[in-house]
Amino acid sequence: MKYSIPEKRELTKYEIEFLTYLCEKEKKEWLTQIKGLKVIARCGCGICPTILLGNSINLEVQSNKKLWIDYYAEDDNGNPIGISIFGTEEMPTELEFFSLDGNADVKKIPKIETLKSNGN
């Protein structure tokens, strides 16, 4: 499987809301960057809502960045979903979603009210 699939677009309203919520809790210095971020690619699986970010639509994907935010949530069926935000000191570069127990395909971003910190 490829690491990512090109996808050039603006963030959705909910993606902005989701990132803002997590950054307010964990990485306030990124808050000023969020509205200017662009989606530059998505996960190579083509199914999950994982997105790769940049401050320009023309940036190359930045992989293997530092894990800054580590949360989990539940999908609509109660399945546990891992949420990781990777990035540089200046900005997030990836918003990743994955099944924590391998029993469900993650197809959409979980509801903010189900988020819990992994305490890292």
PDB file of N, CA and C in Angstrom:
ATOM      1  N   MET A   1       0.842  -1.183   0.000  1.00  0.00           N
ATOM      2  CA  MET A   1       0.000   0.000   0.000  1.00  0.00           C
ATOM      3  C   MET A   1       0.890   1.250   0.000  1.00  0.00           C
ATOM      4  N   LYS A   2       0.515   2.210  -0.787  1.00  0.00           N
ATOM      5  CA  LYS A   2       1.202   3.496  -0.812  1.00  0.00           C
ATOM      6  C   LYS A   2       0.978   4.229   0.504  1.00  0.00           C
ATOM      7  N   TYR A   3       1.953   5.059   0.886  1.00  0.00           N
ATOM      8  CA  TYR A   3       1.815   5.877   2.099  1.00  0.00           C
ATOM      9  C   TYR A   3       0.689   6.888   1.947  1.00  0.00           C
ATOM     10  N   SER A   4       0.609   7.507   0.762  1.00  0.00           N
ATOM     11  CA  SER A   4      -0.425   8.520   0.564  1.00  0.00           C
ATOM     12  C   SER A   4      -0.868   8.582  -0.891  1.00  0.00           C
ATOM     13  N   ILE A   5      -2.040   9.179  -1.077  1.00  0.00           N
ATOM     14  CA  ILE A   5      -2.639   9.416  -2.383  1.00  0.00           C
ATOM     15  C   ILE A   5      -2.779  10.931  -2.523  1.00  0.00           C
ATOM     16  N   PRO A   6      -2.344  11.522  -3.619  1.00  0.00           N
ATOM     17  CA  PRO A   6      -2.503  12.966  -3.770  1.00  0.00           C
ATOM     18  C   PRO A   6      -3.970  13.386  -3.657  1.00  0.00           C
ATOM     19  N   GLU A   7      -4.206  14.453  -2.933  1.00  0.00           N
ATOM     20  CA  GLU A   7      -5.532  15.058  -2.836  1.00  0.00           C
ATOM     21  C   GLU A   7      -5.304  16.510  -2.466  1.00  0.00           C
ATOM     22  N   LYS A   8      -5.666  17.409  -3.326  1.00  0.00           N
ATOM     23  CA  LYS A   8      -5.428  18.838  -3.132  1.00  0.00           C
ATOM     24  C   LYS A   8      -6.764  19.524  -2.892  1.00  0.00           C
ATOM     25  N   ARG A   9      -6.932  20.059  -1.652  1.00  0.00           N
ATOM     26  CA  ARG A   9      -8.203  20.713  -1.341  1.00  0.00           C
ATOM     27  C   ARG A   9      -8.072  21.525  -0.055  1.00  0.00           C
ATOM     28  N   GLU A  10      -9.109  22.295   0.210  1.00  0.00           N
ATOM     29  CA  GLU A  10      -9.222  23.011   1.470  1.00  0.00           C
ATOM     30  C   GLU A  10      -9.676  22.021   2.548  1.00  0.00           C
ATOM     31  N   LEU A  11      -9.405  22.341   3.797  1.00  0.00           N
ATOM     32  CA  LEU A  11      -9.943  21.544   4.899  1.00  0.00           C
ATOM     33  C   LEU A  11     -11.454  21.735   4.960  1.00  0.00           C
ATOM     34  N   THR A  12     -12.168  20.707   5.365  1.00  0.00           N
ATOM     35  CA  THR A  12     -13.606  20.856   5.584  1.00  0.00           C
ATOM     36  C   THR A  12     -13.826  21.619   6.888  1.00  0.00           C
ATOM     37  N   LYS A  13     -15.024  22.107   7.067  1.00  0.00           N
ATOM     38  CA  LYS A  13     -15.374  22.816   8.300  1.00  0.00           C
ATOM     39  C   LYS A  13     -15.137  21.905   9.511  1.00  0.00           C
ATOM     40  N   TYR A  14     -15.519  20.640   9.399  1.00  0.00           N
ATOM     41  CA  TYR A  14     -15.355  19.727  10.539  1.00  0.00           C
ATOM     42  C   TYR A  14     -13.884  19.388  10.792  1.00  0.00           C
ATOM     43  N   GLU A  15     -13.094  19.254   9.753  1.00  0.00           N
ATOM     44  CA  GLU A  15     -11.654  19.030   9.946  1.00  0.00           C
ATOM     45  C   GLU A  15     -11.022  20.199  10.691  1.00  0.00           C
ATOM     46  N   ILE A  16     -11.408  21.423  10.331  1.00  0.00           N
ATOM     47  CA  ILE A  16     -10.914  22.615  11.038  1.00  0.00           C
ATOM     48  C   ILE A  16     -11.357  22.579  12.498  1.00  0.00           C
ATOM     49  N   GLU A  17     -12.620  22.262  12.738  1.00  0.00           N
ATOM     50  CA  GLU A  17     -13.155  22.193  14.103  1.00  0.00           C
ATOM     51  C   GLU A  17     -12.419  21.122  14.921  1.00  0.00           C
ATOM     52  N   PHE A  18     -12.179  19.979  14.324  1.00  0.00           N
ATOM     53  CA  PHE A  18     -11.523  18.860  14.995  1.00  0.00           C
ATOM     54  C   PHE A  18     -10.082  19.226  15.362  1.00  0.00           C
ATOM     55  N   LEU A  19      -9.336  19.749  14.409  1.00  0.00           N
ATOM     56  CA  LEU A  19      -7.957  20.166  14.664  1.00  0.00           C
ATOM     57  C   LEU A  19      -7.892  21.281  15.703  1.00  0.00           C
ATOM     58  N   THR A  20      -8.810  22.235  15.601  1.00  0.00           N
ATOM     59  CA  THR A  20      -8.844  23.348  16.556  1.00  0.00           C
ATOM     60  C   THR A  20      -9.081  22.832  17.962  1.00  0.00           C
ATOM     61  N   TYR A  21     -10.022  21.916  18.118  1.00  0.00           N
ATOM     62  CA  TYR A  21     -10.314  21.363  19.440  1.00  0.00           C
ATOM     63  C   TYR A  21      -9.071  20.709  20.048  1.00  0.00           C
ATOM     64  N   LEU A  22      -8.402  19.863  19.285  1.00  0.00           N
ATOM     65  CA  LEU A  22      -7.222  19.166  19.802  1.00  0.00           C
ATOM     66  C   LEU A  22      -6.054  20.115  20.060  1.00  0.00           C
ATOM     67  N   CYS A  23      -5.851  21.075  19.182  1.00  0.00           N
ATOM     68  CA  CYS A  23      -4.742  22.022  19.377  1.00  0.00           C
ATOM     69  C   CYS A  23      -4.992  22.951  20.563  1.00  0.00           C
ATOM     70  N   GLU A  24      -6.237  23.318  20.796  1.00  0.00           N
ATOM     71  CA  GLU A  24      -6.541  24.133  21.976  1.00  0.00           C
ATOM     72  C   GLU A  24      -6.151  23.398  23.252  1.00  0.00           C
ATOM     73  N   LYS A  25      -6.296  22.095  23.245  1.00  0.00           N
ATOM     74  CA  LYS A  25      -5.967  21.282  24.417  1.00  0.00           C
ATOM     75  C   LYS A  25      -4.473  20.982  24.531  1.00  0.00           C
ATOM     76  N   GLU A  26      -3.801  20.768  23.388  1.00  0.00           N
ATOM     77  CA  GLU A  26      -2.462  20.176  23.413  1.00  0.00           C
ATOM     78  C   GLU A  26      -1.331  20.995  22.779  1.00  0.00           C
ATOM     79  N   LYS A  27      -1.633  21.829  21.805  1.00  0.00           N
ATOM     80  CA  LYS A  27      -0.565  22.519  21.060  1.00  0.00           C
ATOM     81  C   LYS A  27      -1.080  23.871  20.571  1.00  0.00           C
ATOM     82  N   LYS A  28      -1.297  24.777  21.514  1.00  0.00           N
ATOM     83  CA  LYS A  28      -1.909  26.075  21.214  1.00  0.00           C
ATOM     84  C   LYS A  28      -1.161  26.878  20.150  1.00  0.00           C
ATOM     85  N   GLU A  29       0.162  26.703  20.061  1.00  0.00           N
ATOM     86  CA  GLU A  29       0.925  27.471  19.087  1.00  0.00           C
ATOM     87  C   GLU A  29       0.562  27.131  17.644  1.00  0.00           C
ATOM     88  N   TRP A  30      -0.140  26.040  17.398  1.00  0.00           N
ATOM     89  CA  TRP A  30      -0.574  25.684  16.048  1.00  0.00           C
ATOM     90  C   TRP A  30      -1.894  26.355  15.663  1.00  0.00           C
ATOM     91  N   LEU A  31      -2.605  26.909  16.628  1.00  0.00           N
ATOM     92  CA  LEU A  31      -3.949  27.434  16.361  1.00  0.00           C
ATOM     93  C   LEU A  31      -3.973  28.463  15.235  1.00  0.00           C
ATOM     94  N   THR A  32      -2.977  29.318  15.163  1.00  0.00           N
ATOM     95  CA  THR A  32      -2.968  30.349  14.125  1.00  0.00           C
ATOM     96  C   THR A  32      -2.742  29.760  12.734  1.00  0.00           C
ATOM     97  N   GLN A  33      -2.231  28.543  12.650  1.00  0.00           N
ATOM     98  CA  GLN A  33      -1.941  27.889  11.368  1.00  0.00           C
ATOM     99  C   GLN A  33      -3.143  27.172  10.764  1.00  0.00           C
ATOM    100  N   ILE A  34      -4.061  26.731  11.604  1.00  0.00           N
ATOM    101  CA  ILE A  34      -5.091  25.778  11.160  1.00  0.00           C
ATOM    102  C   ILE A  34      -5.915  26.280   9.979  1.00  0.00           C
ATOM    103  N   LYS A  35      -6.428  27.495  10.043  1.00  0.00           N
ATOM    104  CA  LYS A  35      -7.297  27.973   8.950  1.00  0.00           C
ATOM    105  C   LYS A  35      -6.561  28.138   7.633  1.00  0.00           C
ATOM    106  N   GLY A  36      -5.243  28.234   7.661  1.00  0.00           N
ATOM    107  CA  GLY A  36      -4.471  28.360   6.436  1.00  0.00           C
ATOM    108  C   GLY A  36      -3.965  27.044   5.880  1.00  0.00           C
ATOM    109  N   LEU A  37      -4.198  25.954   6.616  1.00  0.00           N
ATOM    110  CA  LEU A  37      -3.722  24.647   6.151  1.00  0.00           C
ATOM    111  C   LEU A  37      -4.527  24.149   4.961  1.00  0.00           C
ATOM    112  N   LYS A  38      -3.871  23.351   4.148  1.00  0.00           N
ATOM    113  CA  LYS A  38      -4.495  22.699   2.992  1.00  0.00           C
ATOM    114  C   LYS A  38      -4.271  21.196   3.106  1.00  0.00           C
ATOM    115  N   VAL A  39      -5.195  20.437   2.561  1.00  0.00           N
ATOM    116  CA  VAL A  39      -4.984  18.992   2.430  1.00  0.00           C
ATOM    117  C   VAL A  39      -4.148  18.809   1.175  1.00  0.00           C
ATOM    118  N   ILE A  40      -3.007  18.111   1.340  1.00  0.00           N
ATOM    119  CA  ILE A  40      -2.139  17.872   0.183  1.00  0.00           C
ATOM    120  C   ILE A  40      -2.139  16.399  -0.239  1.00  0.00           C
ATOM    121  N   ALA A  41      -2.681  15.533   0.645  1.00  0.00           N
ATOM    122  CA  ALA A  41      -2.786  14.103   0.322  1.00  0.00           C
ATOM    123  C   ALA A  41      -3.681  13.444   1.361  1.00  0.00           C
ATOM    124  N   ARG A  42      -4.028  12.209   1.085  1.00  0.00           N
ATOM    125  CA  ARG A  42      -4.776  11.401   2.050  1.00  0.00           C
ATOM    126  C   ARG A  42      -4.092  10.059   2.193  1.00  0.00           C
ATOM    127  N   CYS A  43      -4.535   9.287   3.154  1.00  0.00           N
ATOM    128  CA  CYS A  43      -3.933   7.979   3.414  1.00  0.00           C
ATOM    129  C   CYS A  43      -3.966   7.119   2.152  1.00  0.00           C
ATOM    130  N   GLY A  44      -2.941   6.334   1.980  1.00  0.00           N
ATOM    131  CA  GLY A  44      -2.823   5.446   0.839  1.00  0.00           C
ATOM    132  C   GLY A  44      -3.880   4.357   0.780  1.00  0.00           C
ATOM    133  N   CYS A  45      -4.558   4.081   1.905  1.00  0.00           N
ATOM    134  CA  CYS A  45      -5.615   3.061   1.899  1.00  0.00           C
ATOM    135  C   CYS A  45      -6.820   3.530   1.089  1.00  0.00           C
ATOM    136  N   GLY A  46      -7.003   4.839   0.987  1.00  0.00           N
ATOM    137  CA  GLY A  46      -8.123   5.387   0.233  1.00  0.00           C
ATOM    138  C   GLY A  46      -9.465   5.278   0.926  1.00  0.00           C
ATOM    139  N   ILE A  47      -9.493   4.758   2.143  1.00  0.00           N
ATOM    140  CA  ILE A  47     -10.752   4.548   2.854  1.00  0.00           C
ATOM    141  C   ILE A  47     -10.877   5.444   4.085  1.00  0.00           C
ATOM    142  N   CYS A  48      -9.847   5.454   4.917  1.00  0.00           N
ATOM    143  CA  CYS A  48      -9.920   6.179   6.190  1.00  0.00           C
ATOM    144  C   CYS A  48      -9.838   7.691   5.963  1.00  0.00           C
ATOM    145  N   PRO A  49     -10.213   8.500   6.969  1.00  0.00           N
ATOM    146  CA  PRO A  49     -10.203   9.955   6.822  1.00  0.00           C
ATOM    147  C   PRO A  49      -8.852  10.617   7.107  1.00  0.00           C
ATOM    148  N   THR A  50      -7.770   9.830   7.195  1.00  0.00           N
ATOM    149  CA  THR A  50      -6.444  10.392   7.452  1.00  0.00           C
ATOM    150  C   THR A  50      -6.056  11.359   6.334  1.00  0.00           C
ATOM    151  N   ILE A  51      -5.578  12.550   6.754  1.00  0.00           N
ATOM    152  CA  ILE A  51      -5.156  13.558   5.784  1.00  0.00           C
ATOM    153  C   ILE A  51      -3.746  14.043   6.103  1.00  0.00           C
ATOM    154  N   LEU A  52      -3.041  14.439   5.051  1.00  0.00           N
ATOM    155  CA  LEU A  52      -1.714  15.033   5.179  1.00  0.00           C
ATOM    156  C   LEU A  52      -1.842  16.505   4.828  1.00  0.00           C
ATOM    157  N   LEU A  53      -1.145  17.323   5.600  1.00  0.00           N
ATOM    158  CA  LEU A  53      -1.384  18.758   5.573  1.00  0.00           C
ATOM    159  C   LEU A  53      -0.161  19.553   5.166  1.00  0.00           C
ATOM    160  N   GLY A  54      -0.406  20.735   4.641  1.00  0.00           N
ATOM    161  CA  GLY A  54       0.637  21.683   4.327  1.00  0.00           C
ATOM    162  C   GLY A  54       0.051  23.081   4.331  1.00  0.00           C
ATOM    163  N   ASN A  55       0.900  24.096   4.344  1.00  0.00           N
ATOM    164  CA  ASN A  55       0.380  25.461   4.300  1.00  0.00           C
ATOM    165  C   ASN A  55       0.271  25.975   2.864  1.00  0.00           C
ATOM    166  N   SER A  56       0.537  25.090   1.912  1.00  0.00           N
ATOM    167  CA  SER A  56       0.351  25.381   0.492  1.00  0.00           C
ATOM    168  C   SER A  56      -0.084  24.086  -0.190  1.00  0.00           C
ATOM    169  N   ILE A  57      -0.986  24.213  -1.121  1.00  0.00           N
ATOM    170  CA  ILE A  57      -1.500  23.049  -1.846  1.00  0.00           C
ATOM    171  C   ILE A  57      -0.394  22.339  -2.627  1.00  0.00           C
ATOM    172  N   ASN A  58       0.702  23.039  -2.919  1.00  0.00           N
ATOM    173  CA  ASN A  58       1.766  22.493  -3.754  1.00  0.00           C
ATOM    174  C   ASN A  58       2.903  21.851  -2.977  1.00  0.00           C
ATOM    175  N   LEU A  59       2.787  21.759  -1.663  1.00  0.00           N
ATOM    176  CA  LEU A  59       3.856  21.147  -0.863  1.00  0.00           C
ATOM    177  C   LEU A  59       3.920  19.644  -1.086  1.00  0.00           C
ATOM    178  N   GLU A  60       5.088  19.096  -0.852  1.00  0.00           N
ATOM    179  CA  GLU A  60       5.276  17.645  -0.854  1.00  0.00           C
ATOM    180  C   GLU A  60       4.861  17.093   0.510  1.00  0.00           C
ATOM    181  N   VAL A  61       4.425  15.852   0.540  1.00  0.00           N
ATOM    182  CA  VAL A  61       4.061  15.173   1.787  1.00  0.00           C
ATOM    183  C   VAL A  61       5.285  15.084   2.695  1.00  0.00           C
ATOM    184  N   GLN A  62       5.082  15.421   3.954  1.00  0.00           N
ATOM    185  CA  GLN A  62       6.145  15.319   4.951  1.00  0.00           C
ATOM    186  C   GLN A  62       5.818  14.138   5.862  1.00  0.00           C
ATOM    187  N   SER A  63       6.477  13.024   5.658  1.00  0.00           N
ATOM    188  CA  SER A  63       6.221  11.843   6.492  1.00  0.00           C
ATOM    189  C   SER A  63       7.259  11.762   7.606  1.00  0.00           C
ATOM    190  N   ASN A  64       7.020  10.862   8.527  1.00  0.00           N
ATOM    191  CA  ASN A  64       7.937  10.596   9.640  1.00  0.00           C
ATOM    192  C   ASN A  64       8.216  11.816  10.505  1.00  0.00           C
ATOM    193  N   LYS A  65       7.208  12.622  10.741  1.00  0.00           N
ATOM    194  CA  LYS A  65       7.346  13.769  11.631  1.00  0.00           C
ATOM    195  C   LYS A  65       7.009  13.329  13.056  1.00  0.00           C
ATOM    196  N   LYS A  66       7.279  14.203  13.996  1.00  0.00           N
ATOM    197  CA  LYS A  66       7.091  13.897  15.416  1.00  0.00           C
ATOM    198  C   LYS A  66       5.610  13.778  15.780  1.00  0.00           C
ATOM    199  N   LEU A  67       5.295  12.803  16.628  1.00  0.00           N
ATOM    200  CA  LEU A  67       3.948  12.663  17.174  1.00  0.00           C
ATOM    201  C   LEU A  67       3.777  13.705  18.276  1.00  0.00           C
ATOM    202  N   TRP A  68       2.809  14.607  18.095  1.00  0.00           N
ATOM    203  CA  TRP A  68       2.562  15.665  19.078  1.00  0.00           C
ATOM    204  C   TRP A  68       1.289  15.429  19.880  1.00  0.00           C
ATOM    205  N   ILE A  69       0.277  14.880  19.242  1.00  0.00           N
ATOM    206  CA  ILE A  69      -1.021  14.711  19.901  1.00  0.00           C
ATOM    207  C   ILE A  69      -1.475  13.270  19.699  1.00  0.00           C
ATOM    208  N   ASP A  70      -1.853  12.618  20.815  1.00  0.00           N
ATOM    209  CA  ASP A  70      -2.212  11.202  20.806  1.00  0.00           C
ATOM    210  C   ASP A  70      -3.517  11.035  21.591  1.00  0.00           C
ATOM    211  N   TYR A  71      -4.604  10.798  20.879  1.00  0.00           N
ATOM    212  CA  TYR A  71      -5.932  10.678  21.491  1.00  0.00           C
ATOM    213  C   TYR A  71      -6.591   9.390  21.006  1.00  0.00           C
ATOM    214  N   TYR A  72      -7.732   9.098  21.577  1.00  0.00           N
ATOM    215  CA  TYR A  72      -8.568   8.027  21.069  1.00  0.00           C
ATOM    216  C   TYR A  72     -10.013   8.463  21.194  1.00  0.00           C
ATOM    217  N   ALA A  73     -10.881   7.769  20.495  1.00  0.00           N
ATOM    218  CA  ALA A  73     -12.306   8.091  20.472  1.00  0.00           C
ATOM    219  C   ALA A  73     -13.070   6.825  20.141  1.00  0.00           C
ATOM    220  N   GLU A  74     -14.357   6.979  19.938  1.00  0.00           N
ATOM    221  CA  GLU A  74     -15.199   5.853  19.514  1.00  0.00           C
ATOM    222  C   GLU A  74     -15.931   6.236  18.244  1.00  0.00           C
ATOM    223  N   ASP A  75     -16.121   5.244  17.370  1.00  0.00           N
ATOM    224  CA  ASP A  75     -16.946   5.501  16.198  1.00  0.00           C
ATOM    225  C   ASP A  75     -18.418   5.364  16.598  1.00  0.00           C
ATOM    226  N   ASP A  76     -19.302   5.478  15.646  1.00  0.00           N
ATOM    227  CA  ASP A  76     -20.744   5.429  15.937  1.00  0.00           C
ATOM    228  C   ASP A  76     -21.193   4.088  16.508  1.00  0.00           C
ATOM    229  N   ASN A  77     -20.382   3.033  16.324  1.00  0.00           N
ATOM    230  CA  ASN A  77     -20.717   1.704  16.844  1.00  0.00           C
ATOM    231  C   ASN A  77     -19.965   1.362  18.127  1.00  0.00           C
ATOM    232  N   GLY A  78     -19.237   2.335  18.678  1.00  0.00           N
ATOM    233  CA  GLY A  78     -18.503   2.114  19.922  1.00  0.00           C
ATOM    234  C   GLY A  78     -17.127   1.497  19.741  1.00  0.00           C
ATOM    235  N   ASN A  79     -16.666   1.347  18.500  1.00  0.00           N
ATOM    236  CA  ASN A  79     -15.338   0.794  18.249  1.00  0.00           C
ATOM    237  C   ASN A  79     -14.263   1.841  18.564  1.00  0.00           C
ATOM    238  N   PRO A  80     -13.155   1.436  19.195  1.00  0.00           N
ATOM    239  CA  PRO A  80     -12.107   2.401  19.543  1.00  0.00           C
ATOM    240  C   PRO A  80     -11.273   2.821  18.335  1.00  0.00           C
ATOM    241  N   ILE A  81     -11.085   4.135  18.211  1.00  0.00           N
ATOM    242  CA  ILE A  81     -10.328   4.721  17.115  1.00  0.00           C
ATOM    243  C   ILE A  81      -9.160   5.511  17.689  1.00  0.00           C
ATOM    244  N   GLY A  82      -7.977   5.283  17.157  1.00  0.00           N
ATOM    245  CA  GLY A  82      -6.812   6.066  17.535  1.00  0.00           C
ATOM    246  C   GLY A  82      -6.733   7.314  16.676  1.00  0.00           C
ATOM    247  N   ILE A  83      -6.316   8.415  17.291  1.00  0.00           N
ATOM    248  CA  ILE A  83      -6.129   9.679  16.581  1.00  0.00           C
ATOM    249  C   ILE A  83      -4.734  10.192  16.904  1.00  0.00           C
ATOM    250  N   SER A  84      -3.942  10.422  15.890  1.00  0.00           N
ATOM    251  CA  SER A  84      -2.585  10.939  16.072  1.00  0.00           C
ATOM    252  C   SER A  84      -2.410  12.170  15.199  1.00  0.00           C
ATOM    253  N   ILE A  85      -1.747  13.175  15.754  1.00  0.00           N
ATOM    254  CA  ILE A  85      -1.377  14.340  14.954  1.00  0.00           C
ATOM    255  C   ILE A  85       0.135  14.455  14.996  1.00  0.00           C
ATOM    256  N   PHE A  86       0.719  14.403  13.812  1.00  0.00           N
ATOM    257  CA  PHE A  86       2.155  14.524  13.636  1.00  0.00           C
ATOM    258  C   PHE A  86       2.449  15.908  13.065  1.00  0.00           C
ATOM    259  N   GLY A  87       3.674  16.379  13.277  1.00  0.00           N
ATOM    260  CA  GLY A  87       4.012  17.663  12.702  1.00  0.00           C
ATOM    261  C   GLY A  87       5.404  18.128  13.040  1.00  0.00           C
ATOM    262  N   THR A  88       5.645  19.374  12.683  1.00  0.00           N
ATOM    263  CA  THR A  88       6.883  20.059  12.997  1.00  0.00           C
ATOM    264  C   THR A  88       6.603  20.961  14.199  1.00  0.00           C
ATOM    265  N   GLU A  89       7.575  21.682  14.656  1.00  0.00           N
ATOM    266  CA  GLU A  89       7.342  22.662  15.730  1.00  0.00           C
ATOM    267  C   GLU A  89       6.300  23.691  15.296  1.00  0.00           C
ATOM    268  N   GLU A  90       6.278  24.031  14.019  1.00  0.00           N
ATOM    269  CA  GLU A  90       5.456  25.120  13.510  1.00  0.00           C
ATOM    270  C   GLU A  90       4.035  24.742  13.129  1.00  0.00           C
ATOM    271  N   MET A  91       3.822  23.490  12.716  1.00  0.00           N
ATOM    272  CA  MET A  91       2.496  23.146  12.188  1.00  0.00           C
ATOM    273  C   MET A  91       2.249  21.634  12.145  1.00  0.00           C
ATOM    274  N   PRO A  92       0.973  21.258  12.163  1.00  0.00           N
ATOM    275  CA  PRO A  92       0.650  19.843  11.974  1.00  0.00           C
ATOM    276  C   PRO A  92       0.840  19.454  10.506  1.00  0.00           C
ATOM    277  N   THR A  93       1.309  18.231  10.287  1.00  0.00           N
ATOM    278  CA  THR A  93       1.506  17.739   8.920  1.00  0.00           C
ATOM    279  C   THR A  93       0.655  16.509   8.601  1.00  0.00           C
ATOM    280  N   GLU A  94       0.077  15.887   9.633  1.00  0.00           N
ATOM    281  CA  GLU A  94      -0.749  14.703   9.390  1.00  0.00           C
ATOM    282  C   GLU A  94      -1.754  14.532  10.519  1.00  0.00           C
ATOM    283  N   LEU A  95      -2.999  14.282  10.134  1.00  0.00           N
ATOM    284  CA  LEU A  95      -4.073  13.946  11.064  1.00  0.00           C
ATOM    285  C   LEU A  95      -4.472  12.521  10.720  1.00  0.00           C
ATOM    286  N   GLU A  96      -4.097  11.586  11.604  1.00  0.00           N
ATOM    287  CA  GLU A  96      -4.257  10.155  11.312  1.00  0.00           C
ATOM    288  C   GLU A  96      -5.355   9.542  12.170  1.00  0.00           C
ATOM    289  N   PHE A  97      -6.122   8.648  11.558  1.00  0.00           N
ATOM    290  CA  PHE A  97      -7.179   7.889  12.236  1.00  0.00           C
ATOM    291  C   PHE A  97      -6.957   6.411  11.954  1.00  0.00           C
ATOM    292  N   PHE A  98      -7.099   5.569  12.989  1.00  0.00           N
ATOM    293  CA  PHE A  98      -6.888   4.134  12.798  1.00  0.00           C
ATOM    294  C   PHE A  98      -7.674   3.353  13.839  1.00  0.00           C
ATOM    295  N   SER A  99      -7.993   2.109  13.509  1.00  0.00           N
ATOM    296  CA  SER A  99      -8.688   1.220  14.436  1.00  0.00           C
ATOM    297  C   SER A  99      -7.710   0.771  15.514  1.00  0.00           C
ATOM    298  N   LEU A 100      -8.086   0.942  16.773  1.00  0.00           N
ATOM    299  CA  LEU A 100      -7.213   0.516  17.867  1.00  0.00           C
ATOM    300  C   LEU A 100      -7.224  -0.988  18.088  1.00  0.00           C
ATOM    301  N   ASP A 101      -8.338  -1.640  17.774  1.00  0.00           N
ATOM    302  CA  ASP A 101      -8.407  -3.079  18.003  1.00  0.00           C
ATOM    303  C   ASP A 101      -8.433  -3.890  16.713  1.00  0.00           C
ATOM    304  N   GLY A 102      -8.394  -3.206  15.570  1.00  0.00           N
ATOM    305  CA  GLY A 102      -8.385  -3.895  14.282  1.00  0.00           C
ATOM    306  C   GLY A 102      -9.720  -4.492  13.889  1.00  0.00           C
ATOM    307  N   ASN A 103     -10.776  -4.184  14.632  1.00  0.00           N
ATOM    308  CA  ASN A 103     -12.077  -4.797  14.366  1.00  0.00           C
ATOM    309  C   ASN A 103     -13.014  -3.944  13.532  1.00  0.00           C
ATOM    310  N   ALA A 104     -12.577  -2.754  13.139  1.00  0.00           N
ATOM    311  CA  ALA A 104     -13.464  -1.887  12.358  1.00  0.00           C
ATOM    312  C   ALA A 104     -12.644  -1.079  11.366  1.00  0.00           C
ATOM    313  N   ASP A 105     -13.248  -0.833  10.215  1.00  0.00           N
ATOM    314  CA  ASP A 105     -12.645   0.089   9.259  1.00  0.00           C
ATOM    315  C   ASP A 105     -13.055   1.496   9.666  1.00  0.00           C
ATOM    316  N   VAL A 106     -12.083   2.366   9.804  1.00  0.00           N
ATOM    317  CA  VAL A 106     -12.380   3.753  10.140  1.00  0.00           C
ATOM    318  C   VAL A 106     -12.701   4.472   8.839  1.00  0.00           C
ATOM    319  N   LYS A 107     -13.939   4.943   8.730  1.00  0.00           N
ATOM    320  CA  LYS A 107     -14.377   5.565   7.484  1.00  0.00           C
ATOM    321  C   LYS A 107     -14.703   7.040   7.629  1.00  0.00           C
ATOM    322  N   LYS A 108     -14.831   7.505   8.876  1.00  0.00           N
ATOM    323  CA  LYS A 108     -15.106   8.925   9.068  1.00  0.00           C
ATOM    324  C   LYS A 108     -14.502   9.399  10.385  1.00  0.00           C
ATOM    325  N   ILE A 109     -14.354  10.697  10.483  1.00  0.00           N
ATOM    326  CA  ILE A 109     -13.790  11.309  11.684  1.00  0.00           C
ATOM    327  C   ILE A 109     -14.788  11.135  12.827  1.00  0.00           C
ATOM    328  N   PRO A 110     -14.325  10.686  13.999  1.00  0.00           N
ATOM    329  CA  PRO A 110     -15.248  10.497  15.121  1.00  0.00           C
ATOM    330  C   PRO A 110     -15.778  11.827  15.656  1.00  0.00           C
ATOM    331  N   LYS A 111     -16.801  11.738  16.453  1.00  0.00           N
ATOM    332  CA  LYS A 111     -17.379  12.925  17.083  1.00  0.00           C
ATOM    333  C   LYS A 111     -16.429  13.461  18.148  1.00  0.00           C
ATOM    334  N   ILE A 112     -16.293  14.765  18.178  1.00  0.00           N
ATOM    335  CA  ILE A 112     -15.398  15.420  19.128  1.00  0.00           C
ATOM    336  C   ILE A 112     -15.735  15.031  20.562  1.00  0.00           C
ATOM    337  N   GLU A 113     -16.988  14.898  20.884  1.00  0.00           N
ATOM    338  CA  GLU A 113     -17.381  14.597  22.268  1.00  0.00           C
ATOM    339  C   GLU A 113     -16.931  13.223  22.745  1.00  0.00           C
ATOM    340  N   THR A 114     -16.465  12.365  21.837  1.00  0.00           N
ATOM    341  CA  THR A 114     -15.966  11.044  22.260  1.00  0.00           C
ATOM    342  C   THR A 114     -14.453  11.032  22.489  1.00  0.00           C
ATOM    343  N   LEU A 115     -13.752  12.142  22.243  1.00  0.00           N
ATOM    344  CA  LEU A 115     -12.298  12.205  22.355  1.00  0.00           C
ATOM    345  C   LEU A 115     -11.808  12.092  23.786  1.00  0.00           C
ATOM    346  N   LYS A 116     -10.722  11.326  23.940  1.00  0.00           N
ATOM    347  CA  LYS A 116     -10.053  11.187  25.233  1.00  0.00           C
ATOM    348  C   LYS A 116      -8.548  11.152  24.977  1.00  0.00           C
ATOM    349  N   SER A 117      -7.797  11.776  25.872  1.00  0.00           N
ATOM    350  CA  SER A 117      -6.347  11.825  25.728  1.00  0.00           C
ATOM    351  C   SER A 117      -5.719  10.494  26.143  1.00  0.00           C
ATOM    352  N   ASN A 118      -4.673  10.101  25.443  1.00  0.00           N
ATOM    353  CA  ASN A 118      -3.890   8.939  25.846  1.00  0.00           C
ATOM    354  C   ASN A 118      -2.890   9.312  26.928  1.00  0.00           C
ATOM    355  N   GLY A 119      -2.853  10.599  27.283  1.00  0.00           N
ATOM    356  CA  GLY A 119      -2.023  11.046  28.378  1.00  0.00           C
ATOM    357  C   GLY A 119      -0.546  11.145  28.081  1.00  0.00           C
ATOM    358  N   ASN A 120      -0.169  11.151  26.822  1.00  0.00           N
ATOM    359  CA  ASN A 120       1.253  11.264  26.449  1.00  0.00           C
ATOM    360  C   ASN A 120       1.668  12.710  26.338  1.00  0.00           C
TER     361      ASN A 120
END
